[in-house]
Amino acid sequence: MDVQQIRNRVELIEQQRESLIKLLEQPNLGTLRIDVNQALEEIDELIEEFKRTFPDT
């Protein structure tokens, strides 16, 4: 996998992150809220790490 493919996938993840945020707005999420929060944290860490590794993006 080359850098451009990784960049494309990270961009796709960034776009799909909004879906998790919308899911958090649901009042009946229950304990699933913990998993959604965890997923958002991990996505944010992934994006941060990607930007540190490839700062030209």
Protein backbone atom coordinates (compact mmCIF):
# COMPACT_ATOMS: atom_id res chain seq x y z
CA MET A 1 0.00 0.00 0.00
CA ASP A 2 1.47 3.34 -0.97
CA VAL A 3 1.11 6.71 0.75
CA GLN A 4 -1.63 7.91 -1.57
CA GLN A 5 -3.78 4.86 -0.82
CA ILE A 6 -3.31 5.42 2.91
CA ARG A 7 -4.13 9.11 2.48
CA ASN A 8 -7.32 8.21 0.61
CA ARG A 9 -8.43 5.81 3.30
CA VAL A 10 -7.75 8.30 6.09
CA GLU A 11 -9.77 10.91 4.21
CA LEU A 12 -12.64 8.43 3.91
CA ILE A 13 -12.45 7.74 7.65
CA GLU A 14 -12.53 11.48 8.35
CA GLN A 15 -15.66 11.82 6.24
CA GLN A 16 -17.38 8.89 7.94
CA ARG A 17 -16.51 10.20 11.40
CA GLU A 18 -19.52 12.52 11.13
CA SER A 19 -21.81 9.46 11.16
CA LEU A 20 -20.55 8.51 14.61
CA ILE A 21 -21.12 12.03 15.88
CA LYS A 22 -24.70 11.91 14.63
CA LEU A 23 -25.14 8.54 16.30
CA LEU A 24 -24.05 10.06 19.63
CA GLU A 25 -26.93 12.52 19.36
CA GLN A 26 -29.43 9.65 19.61
CA PRO A 27 -31.03 9.64 23.07
CA ASN A 28 -31.67 5.87 23.17
CA LEU A 29 -28.09 4.75 22.53
CA GLY A 30 -27.65 3.16 25.95
CA THR A 31 -24.37 1.37 26.59
CA LEU A 32 -23.51 1.55 22.90
CA ARG A 33 -22.55 5.18 23.62
CA ILE A 34 -19.35 3.90 25.27
CA ASP A 35 -18.35 2.05 22.10
CA VAL A 36 -19.15 5.03 19.88
CA ASN A 37 -17.08 7.33 22.09
CA GLN A 38 -14.21 4.85 21.98
CA ALA A 39 -14.43 4.63 18.19
CA LEU A 40 -14.32 8.43 17.91
CA GLU A 41 -11.27 8.60 20.18
CA GLU A 42 -9.47 5.98 18.13
CA ILE A 43 -10.35 7.69 14.85
CA ASP A 44 -9.06 10.99 16.20
CA GLU A 45 -5.82 9.31 17.31
CA LEU A 46 -5.44 7.66 13.91
CA ILE A 47 -5.90 10.97 12.09
CA GLU A 48 -3.49 12.72 14.44
CA GLU A 49 -0.85 10.03 14.00
CA PHE A 50 -1.28 10.10 10.23
CA LYS A 51 -0.80 13.86 10.15
CA ARG A 52 2.35 13.56 12.29
CA THR A 53 3.73 10.82 10.07
CA PHE A 54 2.82 12.54 6.79
CA PRO A 55 2.83 16.25 7.68
CA ASP A 56 2.45 17.38 4.06
CA THR A 57 -1.26 16.47 4.00
